[in-house]
C-alpha cells in the first residue's frame, strides 16, 4: 500500500467514525448551540485546534464514563478546539476498553491515595454507595475495582493524558506540516529545474 492510498484509507476511516456537523447540531442537548457548531473554524484542522481537540477528547473520555462525546463537543466551543477530533478521541474509553482503564485507574488511585479500607475511606464509600450514586458504584464494581481509588485514578488519567495528548499531537502536527512543506518545496525545485533545463 503506497503512501497516497494509506493516507486516503486513514482519512476514510476517520470520516466513518467522526460525527458530522449536522449530526451534532441536531442533537437535542446541543441544539441551542447549533449555530456555533456549524462554524467552519471549529471543523478545520489547524496547529491550534488539533492539539486542543485531542487534549479535550482525552480529558472528557477519562473524566466521565458516560456522555463524554457531548461534553467534549460542548467544551470544544469555548476552547476553540476541533470538534470532530475532540468527539472521536473520547472513544479511548468505550464499553470494550472501560474494564481495562478502570483497572489502571484503580491502581493509579491506590498508589496515590493509600486509603485505609477500615478507616474513613470505607465509611465515605459505603455512605455514597447507598445514595443516588449507587449506579455509579455498581458500574465500577462490575469490573472488580473499588470506587474511591478508581474515581481518583480516572481524574489523574484525565489530567495527565490531556497534557500529554496536547504536547504529542502538537509535535506530530509540526512534523507533518514540516514534511508537507519540504515535499512542496522539492516539487517546486524539480519543476524549476525542468524549466531551466528545457531552456
N, C-alpha and C. Protein backbone atom coordinates (compact mmCIF):
# COMPACT_ATOMS: atom_id res chain seq x y z
N UNK A 1 0.85 -1.19 0.00
CA UNK A 1 0.00 0.00 0.00
C UNK A 1 0.89 1.24 0.00
N UNK A 2 0.77 2.08 -1.03
CA UNK A 2 1.62 3.25 -1.10
C UNK A 2 1.11 4.34 -0.16
N UNK A 3 1.93 5.44 -0.05
CA UNK A 3 1.62 6.49 0.92
C UNK A 3 0.29 7.17 0.64
N UNK A 4 -0.01 7.38 -0.65
CA UNK A 4 -1.25 8.07 -1.01
C UNK A 4 -2.47 7.25 -0.63
N UNK A 5 -2.41 5.92 -0.89
CA UNK A 5 -3.53 5.04 -0.54
C UNK A 5 -3.69 4.93 0.97
N UNK A 6 -2.55 4.89 1.69
CA UNK A 6 -2.60 4.83 3.15
C UNK A 6 -3.28 6.08 3.71
N UNK A 7 -2.92 7.23 3.13
CA UNK A 7 -3.49 8.49 3.56
C UNK A 7 -5.01 8.51 3.31
N UNK A 8 -5.43 8.04 2.14
CA UNK A 8 -6.85 8.00 1.80
C UNK A 8 -7.59 7.05 2.72
N UNK A 9 -7.01 5.88 2.99
CA UNK A 9 -7.65 4.90 3.87
C UNK A 9 -7.80 5.47 5.27
N UNK A 10 -6.76 6.15 5.78
CA UNK A 10 -6.82 6.73 7.12
C UNK A 10 -7.90 7.79 7.22
N UNK A 11 -7.98 8.67 6.21
CA UNK A 11 -8.99 9.73 6.23
C UNK A 11 -10.40 9.15 6.11
N UNK A 12 -10.56 8.10 5.28
CA UNK A 12 -11.88 7.45 5.16
C UNK A 12 -12.31 6.82 6.48
N UNK A 13 -11.36 6.20 7.18
CA UNK A 13 -11.66 5.59 8.47
C UNK A 13 -12.07 6.64 9.49
N UNK A 14 -11.33 7.76 9.53
CA UNK A 14 -11.65 8.85 10.46
C UNK A 14 -13.03 9.41 10.16
N UNK A 15 -13.31 9.64 8.88
CA UNK A 15 -14.62 10.20 8.50
C UNK A 15 -15.76 9.25 8.84
N UNK A 16 -15.50 7.96 8.77
CA UNK A 16 -16.54 6.96 9.05
C UNK A 16 -17.03 7.07 10.49
N UNK A 17 -16.09 7.28 11.43
CA UNK A 17 -16.45 7.34 12.85
C UNK A 17 -16.66 8.76 13.37
N UNK A 18 -16.31 9.74 12.58
CA UNK A 18 -16.41 11.12 13.00
C UNK A 18 -17.84 11.63 12.79
N UNK A 19 -18.46 12.20 13.84
CA UNK A 19 -19.81 12.74 13.63
C UNK A 19 -19.78 13.97 12.73
N UNK A 20 -20.83 14.15 11.94
CA UNK A 20 -20.89 15.30 11.05
C UNK A 20 -21.39 16.52 11.82
N UNK A 21 -21.21 17.68 11.21
CA UNK A 21 -21.70 18.92 11.85
C UNK A 21 -23.21 18.84 12.07
N UNK A 22 -23.91 18.32 11.07
CA UNK A 22 -25.37 18.25 11.14
C UNK A 22 -25.84 17.28 12.24
N UNK A 23 -25.12 16.16 12.41
CA UNK A 23 -25.49 15.20 13.46
C UNK A 23 -25.34 15.82 14.85
N UNK A 24 -24.22 16.52 15.08
CA UNK A 24 -24.01 17.15 16.38
C UNK A 24 -24.99 18.29 16.60
N UNK A 25 -25.20 19.09 15.56
CA UNK A 25 -26.11 20.24 15.68
C UNK A 25 -27.55 19.79 15.88
N UNK A 26 -27.92 18.59 15.37
CA UNK A 26 -29.28 18.08 15.51
C UNK A 26 -29.54 17.40 16.84
N UNK A 27 -28.51 17.17 17.65
CA UNK A 27 -28.70 16.54 18.95
C UNK A 27 -29.51 17.45 19.86
N UNK A 28 -30.46 16.89 20.60
CA UNK A 28 -31.37 17.71 21.42
C UNK A 28 -30.63 18.49 22.51
N UNK A 29 -29.51 17.94 23.01
CA UNK A 29 -28.77 18.65 24.06
C UNK A 29 -27.91 19.78 23.48
N UNK A 30 -27.50 19.60 22.26
CA UNK A 30 -26.60 20.59 21.65
C UNK A 30 -27.33 21.54 20.69
N UNK A 31 -28.62 21.32 20.48
CA UNK A 31 -29.38 22.12 19.51
C UNK A 31 -29.32 23.62 19.78
N UNK A 32 -29.40 24.05 21.05
CA UNK A 32 -29.33 25.50 21.31
C UNK A 32 -28.02 26.14 20.82
N UNK A 33 -26.99 25.32 20.69
CA UNK A 33 -25.69 25.83 20.28
C UNK A 33 -25.37 25.50 18.82
N UNK A 34 -26.38 25.05 18.08
CA UNK A 34 -26.18 24.60 16.70
C UNK A 34 -25.46 25.62 15.82
N UNK A 35 -25.84 26.91 15.87
CA UNK A 35 -25.12 27.87 15.01
C UNK A 35 -23.62 27.92 15.27
N UNK A 36 -23.26 27.74 16.54
CA UNK A 36 -21.82 27.74 16.88
C UNK A 36 -21.13 26.49 16.35
N UNK A 37 -21.85 25.34 16.38
CA UNK A 37 -21.25 24.09 15.89
C UNK A 37 -20.99 24.12 14.40
N UNK A 38 -21.81 24.88 13.69
CA UNK A 38 -21.65 24.94 12.24
C UNK A 38 -20.55 25.91 11.81
N UNK A 39 -19.93 26.56 12.78
CA UNK A 39 -18.84 27.49 12.45
C UNK A 39 -17.67 26.72 11.85
N UNK A 40 -17.21 27.10 10.65
CA UNK A 40 -16.14 26.36 9.98
C UNK A 40 -14.84 26.28 10.77
N UNK A 41 -14.56 27.31 11.59
CA UNK A 41 -13.29 27.31 12.33
C UNK A 41 -13.18 26.14 13.31
N UNK A 42 -14.33 25.63 13.78
CA UNK A 42 -14.32 24.52 14.72
C UNK A 42 -14.17 23.17 14.02
N UNK A 43 -14.17 23.17 12.69
CA UNK A 43 -14.08 21.93 11.94
C UNK A 43 -12.80 21.85 11.11
N UNK A 44 -11.98 22.90 11.18
CA UNK A 44 -10.70 22.91 10.46
C UNK A 44 -9.63 22.25 11.31
N UNK A 45 -8.69 21.61 10.62
CA UNK A 45 -7.54 21.01 11.29
C UNK A 45 -6.39 22.01 11.22
N UNK A 46 -6.14 22.72 12.33
CA UNK A 46 -5.07 23.72 12.38
C UNK A 46 -4.11 23.38 13.51
N UNK A 47 -3.00 24.10 13.55
CA UNK A 47 -1.99 23.81 14.58
C UNK A 47 -2.47 24.10 15.99
N UNK A 48 -3.49 24.94 16.12
CA UNK A 48 -4.04 25.22 17.45
C UNK A 48 -5.22 24.31 17.77
N UNK A 49 -6.11 24.10 16.81
CA UNK A 49 -7.33 23.35 17.09
C UNK A 49 -7.10 21.85 17.27
N UNK A 50 -6.10 21.30 16.59
CA UNK A 50 -5.85 19.85 16.70
C UNK A 50 -5.36 19.45 18.09
N UNK A 51 -4.29 20.08 18.64
CA UNK A 51 -3.88 19.70 20.00
C UNK A 51 -4.96 19.95 21.04
N UNK A 52 -5.71 21.03 20.86
CA UNK A 52 -6.81 21.31 21.80
C UNK A 52 -7.88 20.24 21.72
N UNK A 53 -8.20 19.81 20.50
CA UNK A 53 -9.21 18.77 20.32
C UNK A 53 -8.79 17.44 20.94
N UNK A 54 -7.52 17.08 20.73
CA UNK A 54 -7.01 15.82 21.30
C UNK A 54 -7.02 15.89 22.82
N UNK A 55 -6.53 16.99 23.39
CA UNK A 55 -6.48 17.14 24.85
C UNK A 55 -7.88 17.11 25.45
N UNK A 56 -8.80 17.81 24.82
CA UNK A 56 -10.18 17.87 25.32
C UNK A 56 -10.86 16.51 25.23
N UNK A 57 -10.65 15.81 24.12
CA UNK A 57 -11.23 14.48 23.96
C UNK A 57 -10.72 13.49 24.99
N UNK A 58 -9.41 13.53 25.25
CA UNK A 58 -8.84 12.63 26.26
C UNK A 58 -9.36 12.96 27.65
N UNK A 59 -9.41 14.25 27.96
CA UNK A 59 -9.90 14.67 29.28
C UNK A 59 -11.34 14.21 29.48
N UNK A 60 -12.21 14.48 28.52
CA UNK A 60 -13.62 14.11 28.65
C UNK A 60 -13.81 12.59 28.63
N UNK A 61 -12.98 11.90 27.85
CA UNK A 61 -13.08 10.44 27.79
C UNK A 61 -12.79 9.77 29.11
N UNK A 62 -11.86 10.34 29.89
CA UNK A 62 -11.49 9.73 31.16
C UNK A 62 -12.26 10.29 32.35
N UNK A 63 -12.67 11.56 32.26
CA UNK A 63 -13.23 12.19 33.46
C UNK A 63 -14.66 11.73 33.75
N UNK A 64 -15.42 11.35 32.72
CA UNK A 64 -16.76 10.79 32.96
C UNK A 64 -16.95 9.54 32.09
N UNK A 65 -17.60 8.50 32.63
CA UNK A 65 -17.73 7.26 31.86
C UNK A 65 -18.86 7.26 30.84
N UNK A 66 -19.83 8.19 30.97
CA UNK A 66 -20.95 8.24 30.02
C UNK A 66 -21.17 9.68 29.56
N UNK A 67 -21.64 9.84 28.34
CA UNK A 67 -21.94 11.17 27.81
C UNK A 67 -20.73 12.01 27.47
N UNK A 68 -19.57 11.36 27.33
CA UNK A 68 -18.35 12.13 27.10
C UNK A 68 -18.31 12.79 25.73
N UNK A 69 -18.99 12.22 24.75
CA UNK A 69 -18.99 12.81 23.40
C UNK A 69 -19.63 14.19 23.43
N UNK A 70 -20.78 14.30 24.10
CA UNK A 70 -21.48 15.58 24.15
C UNK A 70 -20.74 16.58 25.02
N UNK A 71 -20.12 16.11 26.08
CA UNK A 71 -19.32 17.01 26.92
C UNK A 71 -18.15 17.57 26.12
N UNK A 72 -17.47 16.71 25.36
CA UNK A 72 -16.33 17.15 24.55
C UNK A 72 -16.78 18.15 23.48
N UNK A 73 -17.90 17.86 22.83
CA UNK A 73 -18.41 18.77 21.79
C UNK A 73 -18.80 20.11 22.40
N UNK A 74 -19.43 20.08 23.56
CA UNK A 74 -19.85 21.32 24.22
C UNK A 74 -18.64 22.13 24.67
N UNK A 75 -17.64 21.46 25.25
CA UNK A 75 -16.45 22.17 25.74
C UNK A 75 -15.55 22.66 24.61
N UNK A 76 -15.68 22.05 23.43
CA UNK A 76 -14.86 22.48 22.29
C UNK A 76 -15.21 23.88 21.82
N UNK A 77 -16.43 24.32 22.10
CA UNK A 77 -16.86 25.64 21.65
C UNK A 77 -16.04 26.76 22.29
N UNK A 78 -16.04 26.87 23.63
CA UNK A 78 -15.24 27.96 24.22
C UNK A 78 -13.73 27.76 24.06
N UNK A 79 -13.31 26.48 23.98
CA UNK A 79 -11.87 26.20 23.84
C UNK A 79 -11.37 26.41 22.42
N UNK A 80 -12.29 26.59 21.46
CA UNK A 80 -11.95 26.70 20.03
C UNK A 80 -11.12 25.50 19.57
N UNK A 81 -11.55 24.33 20.03
CA UNK A 81 -10.88 23.08 19.66
C UNK A 81 -11.59 22.47 18.46
N UNK A 82 -10.92 21.55 17.78
CA UNK A 82 -11.50 20.86 16.65
C UNK A 82 -12.59 19.92 17.17
N UNK A 83 -13.85 20.21 16.84
CA UNK A 83 -14.99 19.47 17.39
C UNK A 83 -14.98 18.00 17.01
N UNK A 84 -14.85 17.64 15.72
CA UNK A 84 -14.89 16.21 15.39
C UNK A 84 -13.75 15.43 16.02
N UNK A 85 -12.57 16.01 16.09
CA UNK A 85 -11.44 15.32 16.70
C UNK A 85 -11.66 15.12 18.20
N UNK A 86 -12.19 16.15 18.86
CA UNK A 86 -12.47 16.06 20.30
C UNK A 86 -13.47 14.95 20.59
N UNK A 87 -14.50 14.82 19.73
CA UNK A 87 -15.51 13.79 19.98
C UNK A 87 -15.00 12.38 19.66
N UNK A 88 -14.19 12.25 18.62
CA UNK A 88 -13.67 10.93 18.25
C UNK A 88 -12.67 10.42 19.29
N UNK A 89 -11.84 11.31 19.81
CA UNK A 89 -10.81 10.89 20.78
C UNK A 89 -11.43 10.36 22.07
N UNK A 90 -12.67 10.79 22.39
CA UNK A 90 -13.32 10.28 23.61
C UNK A 90 -13.54 8.77 23.56
N UNK A 91 -13.49 8.19 22.35
CA UNK A 91 -13.71 6.74 22.23
C UNK A 91 -12.56 5.93 22.82
N UNK A 92 -11.55 6.61 23.37
CA UNK A 92 -10.49 5.87 24.07
C UNK A 92 -11.10 5.09 25.23
N UNK A 93 -12.19 5.63 25.80
CA UNK A 93 -12.96 4.87 26.79
C UNK A 93 -14.30 4.52 26.17
N UNK A 94 -14.55 3.25 26.02
CA UNK A 94 -15.80 2.75 25.46
C UNK A 94 -16.15 1.46 26.19
N UNK A 95 -17.30 0.87 25.93
CA UNK A 95 -17.68 -0.34 26.68
C UNK A 95 -16.66 -1.47 26.62
N UNK A 96 -15.85 -1.53 25.55
CA UNK A 96 -14.85 -2.59 25.42
C UNK A 96 -13.57 -2.28 26.19
N UNK A 97 -13.16 -1.01 26.20
CA UNK A 97 -11.91 -0.64 26.87
C UNK A 97 -12.11 -0.21 28.32
N UNK A 98 -13.38 0.04 28.72
CA UNK A 98 -13.63 0.55 30.06
C UNK A 98 -13.07 -0.35 31.17
N UNK A 99 -13.26 -1.68 31.13
CA UNK A 99 -12.69 -2.52 32.20
C UNK A 99 -11.18 -2.37 32.33
N UNK A 100 -10.47 -2.30 31.20
CA UNK A 100 -9.01 -2.13 31.22
C UNK A 100 -8.64 -0.81 31.90
N UNK A 101 -9.29 0.29 31.47
CA UNK A 101 -8.96 1.61 32.04
C UNK A 101 -9.38 1.70 33.50
N UNK A 102 -10.48 1.02 33.87
CA UNK A 102 -10.92 1.04 35.27
C UNK A 102 -9.88 0.39 36.17
N UNK A 103 -9.29 -0.71 35.71
CA UNK A 103 -8.24 -1.38 36.49
C UNK A 103 -7.00 -0.48 36.60
N UNK A 104 -6.60 0.14 35.49
CA UNK A 104 -5.45 1.05 35.50
C UNK A 104 -5.71 2.22 36.45
N UNK A 105 -6.92 2.82 36.34
CA UNK A 105 -7.27 3.95 37.21
C UNK A 105 -7.27 3.53 38.67
N UNK A 106 -7.76 2.33 38.95
CA UNK A 106 -7.77 1.83 40.31
C UNK A 106 -6.36 1.70 40.88
N UNK A 107 -5.44 1.17 40.06
CA UNK A 107 -4.04 1.02 40.51
C UNK A 107 -3.41 2.40 40.76
N UNK A 108 -3.66 3.33 39.84
CA UNK A 108 -3.11 4.68 39.98
C UNK A 108 -3.66 5.34 41.24
N UNK A 109 -4.97 5.26 41.44
CA UNK A 109 -5.59 5.86 42.62
C UNK A 109 -5.12 5.22 43.90
N UNK A 110 -4.95 3.90 43.89
CA UNK A 110 -4.49 3.17 45.08
C UNK A 110 -3.08 3.60 45.46
N UNK A 111 -2.21 3.73 44.46
CA UNK A 111 -0.83 4.14 44.73
C UNK A 111 -0.78 5.56 45.27
N UNK A 112 -1.59 6.46 44.69
CA UNK A 112 -1.54 7.87 45.08
C UNK A 112 -2.26 8.16 46.40
N UNK A 113 -3.32 7.46 46.69
CA UNK A 113 -4.10 7.77 47.89
C UNK A 113 -3.73 6.95 49.12
N UNK A 114 -3.41 5.68 48.91
CA UNK A 114 -3.11 4.78 50.05
C UNK A 114 -4.21 4.84 51.12
N UNK A 115 -5.44 4.62 50.68
CA UNK A 115 -6.57 4.73 51.60
C UNK A 115 -6.69 3.46 52.44
N UNK A 116 -6.90 3.64 53.72
CA UNK A 116 -7.13 2.52 54.62
C UNK A 116 -8.60 2.13 54.55
N UNK A 117 -8.87 0.93 54.08
CA UNK A 117 -10.26 0.48 53.90
C UNK A 117 -11.05 0.50 55.22
N UNK A 118 -10.38 0.25 56.32
CA UNK A 118 -11.07 0.20 57.61
C UNK A 118 -11.32 1.59 58.19
N UNK A 119 -10.67 2.61 57.62
CA UNK A 119 -10.79 3.98 58.13
C UNK A 119 -11.93 4.74 57.49
N UNK A 120 -11.75 6.03 57.40
CA UNK A 120 -12.82 6.90 56.91
C UNK A 120 -13.14 6.66 55.44
N UNK A 121 -12.16 6.23 54.66
CA UNK A 121 -12.41 5.98 53.24
C UNK A 121 -13.51 4.97 53.03
N UNK A 122 -13.50 3.92 53.83
CA UNK A 122 -14.52 2.89 53.71
C UNK A 122 -15.89 3.41 54.09
N UNK A 123 -15.96 4.27 55.16
CA UNK A 123 -17.24 4.83 55.60
C UNK A 123 -17.83 5.76 54.55
N UNK A 124 -16.99 6.61 54.00
CA UNK A 124 -17.44 7.54 52.98
C UNK A 124 -17.95 6.76 51.77
N UNK A 125 -17.20 5.73 51.39
CA UNK A 125 -17.57 4.92 50.23
C UNK A 125 -18.92 4.24 50.43
N UNK A 126 -19.14 3.66 51.62
CA UNK A 126 -20.40 2.95 51.87
C UNK A 126 -21.57 3.92 51.94
N UNK A 127 -21.32 5.12 52.49
CA UNK A 127 -22.39 6.14 52.56
C UNK A 127 -22.78 6.61 51.15
N UNK A 128 -21.78 6.82 50.31
CA UNK A 128 -22.04 7.26 48.93
C UNK A 128 -22.73 6.16 48.14
N UNK A 129 -22.32 4.92 48.37
CA UNK A 129 -22.86 3.78 47.61
C UNK A 129 -24.34 3.56 47.88
N UNK A 130 -24.84 4.01 49.04
CA UNK A 130 -26.25 3.78 49.36
C UNK A 130 -27.16 4.88 48.84
N UNK A 131 -26.59 5.96 48.32
CA UNK A 131 -27.40 7.09 47.86
C UNK A 131 -27.66 7.06 46.37
N UNK A 132 -27.83 8.26 45.82
CA UNK A 132 -28.19 8.38 44.40
C UNK A 132 -27.05 7.98 43.47
N UNK A 133 -25.82 7.86 44.00
CA UNK A 133 -24.68 7.48 43.17
C UNK A 133 -24.45 5.97 43.15
N UNK A 134 -25.43 5.20 43.64
CA UNK A 134 -25.25 3.74 43.73
C UNK A 134 -25.01 3.11 42.35
N UNK A 135 -25.68 3.64 41.31
CA UNK A 135 -25.48 3.11 39.95
C UNK A 135 -24.04 3.29 39.51
N UNK A 136 -23.44 4.41 39.92
CA UNK A 136 -22.06 4.70 39.56
C UNK A 136 -21.12 3.70 40.23
N UNK A 137 -21.38 3.36 41.49
CA UNK A 137 -20.57 2.40 42.22
C UNK A 137 -20.73 1.00 41.62
N UNK A 138 -21.96 0.66 41.23
CA UNK A 138 -22.21 -0.65 40.63
C UNK A 138 -21.46 -0.80 39.31
N UNK A 139 -21.34 0.31 38.57
CA UNK A 139 -20.61 0.30 37.30
C UNK A 139 -19.17 -0.13 37.52
N UNK A 140 -18.53 0.42 38.54
CA UNK A 140 -17.14 0.08 38.82
C UNK A 140 -17.01 -1.30 39.45
N UNK A 141 -17.94 -1.65 40.34
CA UNK A 141 -17.88 -2.96 40.98
C UNK A 141 -18.08 -4.08 39.96
N UNK A 142 -18.76 -3.77 38.87
CA UNK A 142 -18.99 -4.75 37.81
C UNK A 142 -17.71 -5.22 37.15
N UNK A 143 -16.67 -4.37 37.18
CA UNK A 143 -15.39 -4.78 36.60
C UNK A 143 -14.37 -5.13 37.69
N UNK A 144 -14.84 -5.24 38.95
CA UNK A 144 -13.99 -5.74 40.02
C UNK A 144 -12.99 -4.75 40.58
N UNK A 145 -13.36 -3.47 40.67
CA UNK A 145 -12.45 -2.48 41.26
C UNK A 145 -13.21 -1.66 42.30
N UNK A 146 -12.46 -1.01 43.19
CA UNK A 146 -13.07 -0.17 44.21
C UNK A 146 -13.26 1.24 43.68
N UNK A 147 -14.26 1.92 44.23
CA UNK A 147 -14.71 3.16 43.63
C UNK A 147 -13.82 4.36 43.93
N UNK A 148 -13.51 4.59 45.19
CA UNK A 148 -12.81 5.82 45.56
C UNK A 148 -11.47 5.95 44.84
N UNK A 149 -10.68 4.88 44.88
CA UNK A 149 -9.37 4.91 44.20
C UNK A 149 -9.55 5.03 42.69
N UNK A 150 -10.56 4.34 42.17
CA UNK A 150 -10.79 4.35 40.72
C UNK A 150 -11.19 5.72 40.22
N UNK A 151 -12.10 6.39 40.94
CA UNK A 151 -12.53 7.73 40.53
C UNK A 151 -11.35 8.69 40.56
N UNK A 152 -10.57 8.62 41.64
CA UNK A 152 -9.40 9.50 41.73
C UNK A 152 -8.40 9.17 40.61
N UNK A 153 -8.23 7.88 40.33
CA UNK A 153 -7.34 7.46 39.25
C UNK A 153 -7.79 7.97 37.89
N UNK A 154 -9.11 7.97 37.65
CA UNK A 154 -9.63 8.49 36.38
C UNK A 154 -9.38 9.99 36.25
N UNK A 155 -9.51 10.72 37.36
CA UNK A 155 -9.22 12.17 37.32
C UNK A 155 -7.76 12.40 36.98
N UNK A 156 -6.88 11.61 37.60
CA UNK A 156 -5.44 11.73 37.31
C UNK A 156 -5.16 11.38 35.85
N UNK A 157 -5.76 10.28 35.37
CA UNK A 157 -5.58 9.88 33.96
C UNK A 157 -6.09 10.96 33.02
N UNK A 158 -7.22 11.59 33.37
CA UNK A 158 -7.79 12.65 32.52
C UNK A 158 -6.82 13.82 32.39
N UNK A 159 -6.26 14.25 33.52
CA UNK A 159 -5.35 15.40 33.51
C UNK A 159 -4.04 15.08 32.81
N UNK A 160 -3.45 13.93 33.15
CA UNK A 160 -2.14 13.56 32.58
C UNK A 160 -2.27 13.28 31.08
N UNK A 161 -3.31 12.51 30.69
CA UNK A 161 -3.46 12.18 29.27
C UNK A 161 -3.76 13.42 28.43
N UNK A 162 -4.53 14.37 29.00
CA UNK A 162 -4.83 15.60 28.27
C UNK A 162 -3.56 16.41 28.02
N UNK A 163 -2.71 16.51 29.06
CA UNK A 163 -1.46 17.26 28.90
C UNK A 163 -0.53 16.58 27.90
N UNK A 164 -0.38 15.25 28.03
CA UNK A 164 0.48 14.51 27.09
C UNK A 164 -0.10 14.54 25.67
N UNK A 165 -1.41 14.39 25.56
CA UNK A 165 -2.05 14.43 24.25
C UNK A 165 -1.84 15.76 23.56
N UNK A 166 -1.93 16.84 24.32
CA UNK A 166 -1.72 18.18 23.76
C UNK A 166 -0.29 18.31 23.22
N UNK A 167 0.69 17.91 24.05
CA UNK A 167 2.10 18.05 23.66
C UNK A 167 2.45 17.14 22.47
N UNK A 168 2.02 15.88 22.53
CA UNK A 168 2.37 14.92 21.48
C UNK A 168 1.69 15.28 20.16
N UNK A 169 0.38 15.60 20.20
CA UNK A 169 -0.32 15.93 18.96
C UNK A 169 0.22 17.22 18.36
N UNK A 170 0.62 18.18 19.20
CA UNK A 170 1.23 19.41 18.69
C UNK A 170 2.55 19.13 17.98
N UNK A 171 3.35 18.24 18.59
CA UNK A 171 4.65 17.89 17.99
C UNK A 171 4.45 17.12 16.69
N UNK A 172 3.50 16.17 16.68
CA UNK A 172 3.21 15.39 15.46
C UNK A 172 2.70 16.32 14.36
N UNK A 173 1.84 17.27 14.73
CA UNK A 173 1.31 18.22 13.74
C UNK A 173 2.44 19.04 13.11
N UNK A 174 3.39 19.51 13.94
CA UNK A 174 4.51 20.30 13.41
C UNK A 174 5.37 19.47 12.46
N UNK A 175 5.60 18.20 12.81
CA UNK A 175 6.40 17.32 11.95
C UNK A 175 5.69 17.10 10.61
N UNK A 176 4.38 16.86 10.67
CA UNK A 176 3.60 16.63 9.44
C UNK A 176 3.62 17.86 8.54
N UNK A 177 3.46 19.05 9.15
CA UNK A 177 3.46 20.29 8.37
C UNK A 177 4.84 20.52 7.76
N UNK A 178 5.90 20.25 8.53
CA UNK A 178 7.26 20.43 8.03
C UNK A 178 7.54 19.49 6.85
N UNK A 179 7.07 18.24 6.94
CA UNK A 179 7.26 17.28 5.84
C UNK A 179 6.50 17.72 4.60
N UNK A 180 5.26 18.21 4.82
CA UNK A 180 4.45 18.67 3.70
C UNK A 180 5.13 19.85 2.99
N UNK A 181 5.66 20.76 3.78
CA UNK A 181 6.36 21.91 3.19
C UNK A 181 7.60 21.48 2.43
N UNK A 182 8.35 20.53 3.02
CA UNK A 182 9.56 20.04 2.36
C UNK A 182 9.23 19.39 1.03
N UNK A 183 8.15 18.59 0.98
CA UNK A 183 7.73 17.94 -0.26
C UNK A 183 7.31 18.98 -1.30
N UNK A 184 6.55 20.01 -0.83
CA UNK A 184 6.11 21.06 -1.74
C UNK A 184 7.30 21.81 -2.33
N UNK A 185 8.29 22.12 -1.47
CA UNK A 185 9.49 22.81 -1.94
C UNK A 185 10.27 21.95 -2.93
N UNK A 186 10.34 20.63 -2.64
CA UNK A 186 11.06 19.72 -3.53
C UNK A 186 10.38 19.67 -4.90
N UNK A 187 9.03 19.64 -4.91
CA UNK A 187 8.30 19.64 -6.18
C UNK A 187 8.52 20.93 -6.95
N UNK A 188 8.51 22.05 -6.23
CA UNK A 188 8.74 23.35 -6.88
C UNK A 188 10.14 23.43 -7.47
N UNK A 189 11.14 22.92 -6.73
CA UNK A 189 12.51 22.92 -7.22
C UNK A 189 12.65 22.02 -8.45
N UNK A 190 11.96 20.86 -8.40
CA UNK A 190 12.01 19.94 -9.55
C UNK A 190 11.40 20.59 -10.79
N UNK A 191 10.27 21.28 -10.64
CA UNK A 191 9.63 21.97 -11.75
C UNK A 191 10.53 23.09 -12.30
N UNK A 192 11.16 23.81 -11.37
CA UNK A 192 12.06 24.91 -11.77
C UNK A 192 13.26 24.36 -12.56
N UNK A 193 13.81 23.23 -12.08
CA UNK A 193 14.95 22.59 -12.80
C UNK A 193 14.52 22.14 -14.19
N UNK A 194 13.30 21.59 -14.29
CA UNK A 194 12.81 21.15 -15.60
C UNK A 194 12.70 22.32 -16.58
N UNK A 195 12.18 23.45 -16.07
CA UNK A 195 12.05 24.61 -16.93
C UNK A 195 13.39 25.17 -17.35
N UNK A 196 14.34 25.20 -16.41
CA UNK A 196 15.69 25.70 -16.72
C UNK A 196 16.38 24.78 -17.73
N UNK A 197 16.23 23.48 -17.54
CA UNK A 197 16.84 22.52 -18.47
C UNK A 197 16.20 22.59 -19.85
N UNK A 198 14.88 22.86 -19.86
CA UNK A 198 14.18 22.96 -21.15
C UNK A 198 14.67 24.18 -21.94
N UNK A 199 15.03 25.22 -21.22
CA UNK A 199 15.55 26.42 -21.90
C UNK A 199 17.02 26.25 -22.25
